[in-house]
Amino acid sequence: MADKKAAKPMNKSATYQALAEATGLTRKQVAGFFEALEGLIAKELGKKGPGVFVLPGLLRLKKVIKPATKGGMKPNPFKPGEMMEVKPKPASTRVKPVVMKGLKNLVN
């Protein structure tokens, strides 16, 4: 195999700098935009929001509520015939990203 160095992803500062150069805005304005976007996402995915945030053409973020599970004894899938104890889990909220066609086309 050929030794090929993997390209490192841009960090936050480099991302802000690249976007500032591409748009003609200052880094401070770009940082302000991302703070506003973060607030908007929090509002949309929060308790009073619709639970879905769409970044047009790129991705959709959905709030998924996982219900609580009961504990108890269940069959062990790795050792047939043996039972295993399963701990109860509280309800939780997760964010599921869904990639849209526009982003898929950019990558391919």
Protein backbone atom coordinates (compact mmCIF):
# COMPACT_ATOMS: atom_id res chain seq x y z
CA MET A 1 0.00 0.00 0.00
CA ALA A 2 1.12 3.51 -0.69
CA ASP A 3 1.69 5.77 2.32
CA LYS A 4 -0.80 8.51 1.74
CA LYS A 5 -1.31 11.19 4.37
CA ALA A 6 -4.95 11.80 5.12
CA ALA A 7 -6.00 15.41 4.83
CA LYS A 8 -6.88 16.92 8.19
CA PRO A 9 -10.28 18.56 8.60
CA MET A 10 -10.35 22.32 9.02
CA ASN A 11 -10.63 23.55 12.59
CA LYS A 12 -13.08 26.22 13.70
CA SER A 13 -10.69 29.12 13.20
CA ALA A 14 -9.67 28.00 9.71
CA THR A 15 -13.31 27.48 8.74
CA TYR A 16 -14.23 31.00 9.89
CA GLN A 17 -11.25 32.43 7.99
CA ALA A 18 -12.11 30.58 4.76
CA LEU A 19 -15.75 31.68 4.93
CA ALA A 20 -14.73 35.26 5.68
CA GLU A 21 -12.49 35.34 2.61
CA ALA A 22 -15.14 33.72 0.39
CA THR A 23 -17.96 36.06 1.44
CA GLY A 24 -16.11 39.31 2.04
CA LEU A 25 -17.29 39.43 5.65
CA THR A 26 -15.06 39.77 8.69
CA ARG A 27 -14.26 36.76 10.87
CA LYS A 28 -16.26 38.39 13.64
CA GLN A 29 -19.34 38.59 11.39
CA VAL A 30 -18.93 34.95 10.35
CA ALA A 31 -18.65 33.94 14.03
CA GLY A 32 -21.80 35.96 14.75
CA PHE A 33 -23.63 34.15 11.96
CA PHE A 34 -22.73 30.77 13.44
CA GLU A 35 -23.85 31.88 16.91
CA ALA A 36 -27.18 32.97 15.43
CA LEU A 37 -27.50 29.67 13.55
CA GLU A 38 -26.80 27.75 16.75
CA GLY A 39 -29.52 29.71 18.55
CA LEU A 40 -31.99 29.07 15.73
CA ILE A 41 -31.27 25.33 15.78
CA ALA A 42 -31.74 25.26 19.57
CA LYS A 43 -35.07 27.07 19.21
CA GLU A 44 -36.35 24.76 16.45
CA LEU A 45 -35.28 21.55 18.21
CA GLY A 46 -36.26 22.77 21.69
CA LYS A 47 -39.39 21.90 23.67
CA LYS A 48 -41.59 24.53 22.02
CA GLY A 49 -40.18 24.13 18.50
CA PRO A 50 -41.36 21.80 15.72
CA GLY A 51 -38.52 19.30 16.34
CA VAL A 52 -37.07 19.66 12.84
CA PHE A 53 -34.46 22.07 11.47
CA VAL A 54 -33.61 22.21 7.76
CA LEU A 55 -30.41 23.68 6.34
CA PRO A 56 -31.78 24.17 2.79
CA GLY A 57 -30.30 21.76 0.28
CA LEU A 58 -27.78 20.27 2.73
CA LEU A 59 -29.25 18.51 5.73
CA ARG A 60 -32.22 18.09 8.02
CA LEU A 61 -31.92 17.67 11.79
CA LYS A 62 -34.73 15.77 13.51
CA LYS A 63 -35.37 15.46 17.24
CA VAL A 64 -36.07 11.82 18.11
CA ILE A 65 -37.47 10.95 21.52
CA LYS A 66 -36.50 7.47 22.70
CA PRO A 67 -38.98 6.12 25.28
CA ALA A 68 -37.86 4.62 28.58
CA THR A 69 -37.25 0.86 28.64
CA LYS A 70 -38.04 -1.54 31.45
CA GLY A 71 -35.43 -3.74 33.03
CA GLY A 72 -35.76 -7.45 33.54
CA MET A 73 -34.57 -10.80 32.32
CA LYS A 74 -34.29 -11.42 28.57
CA PRO A 75 -32.77 -14.24 26.48
CA ASN A 76 -29.05 -13.79 25.82
CA PRO A 77 -28.59 -13.51 22.01
CA PHE A 78 -24.98 -14.78 22.24
CA LYS A 79 -25.66 -17.82 24.45
CA PRO A 80 -28.94 -19.51 23.49
CA GLY A 81 -30.93 -20.85 26.40
CA GLU A 82 -29.31 -18.51 28.91
CA MET A 83 -31.05 -15.47 30.39
CA MET A 84 -29.39 -12.14 31.04
CA GLU A 85 -30.35 -9.18 33.18
CA VAL A 86 -31.18 -5.97 31.30
CA LYS A 87 -30.98 -2.65 33.15
CA PRO A 88 -33.80 -0.12 32.81
CA LYS A 89 -33.00 2.99 30.76
CA PRO A 90 -34.61 6.41 31.13
CA ALA A 91 -36.22 8.24 28.21
CA SER A 92 -33.77 10.25 26.13
CA THR A 93 -33.75 12.76 23.30
CA ARG A 94 -31.42 12.39 20.31
CA VAL A 95 -30.78 14.48 17.21
CA LYS A 96 -30.79 12.54 13.95
CA PRO A 97 -29.11 14.18 10.94
CA VAL A 98 -30.57 13.35 7.52
CA VAL A 99 -28.38 14.20 4.53
CA MET A 100 -30.26 15.82 1.66
CA LYS A 101 -29.70 15.41 -2.07
CA GLY A 102 -27.75 18.66 -2.48
CA LEU A 103 -25.04 17.56 -0.03
CA LYS A 104 -24.90 14.08 -1.53
CA ASN A 105 -24.29 15.63 -4.97
CA LEU A 106 -21.48 17.80 -3.56
CA VAL A 107 -19.69 14.77 -2.12
CA ASN A 108 -20.10 12.52 -5.17
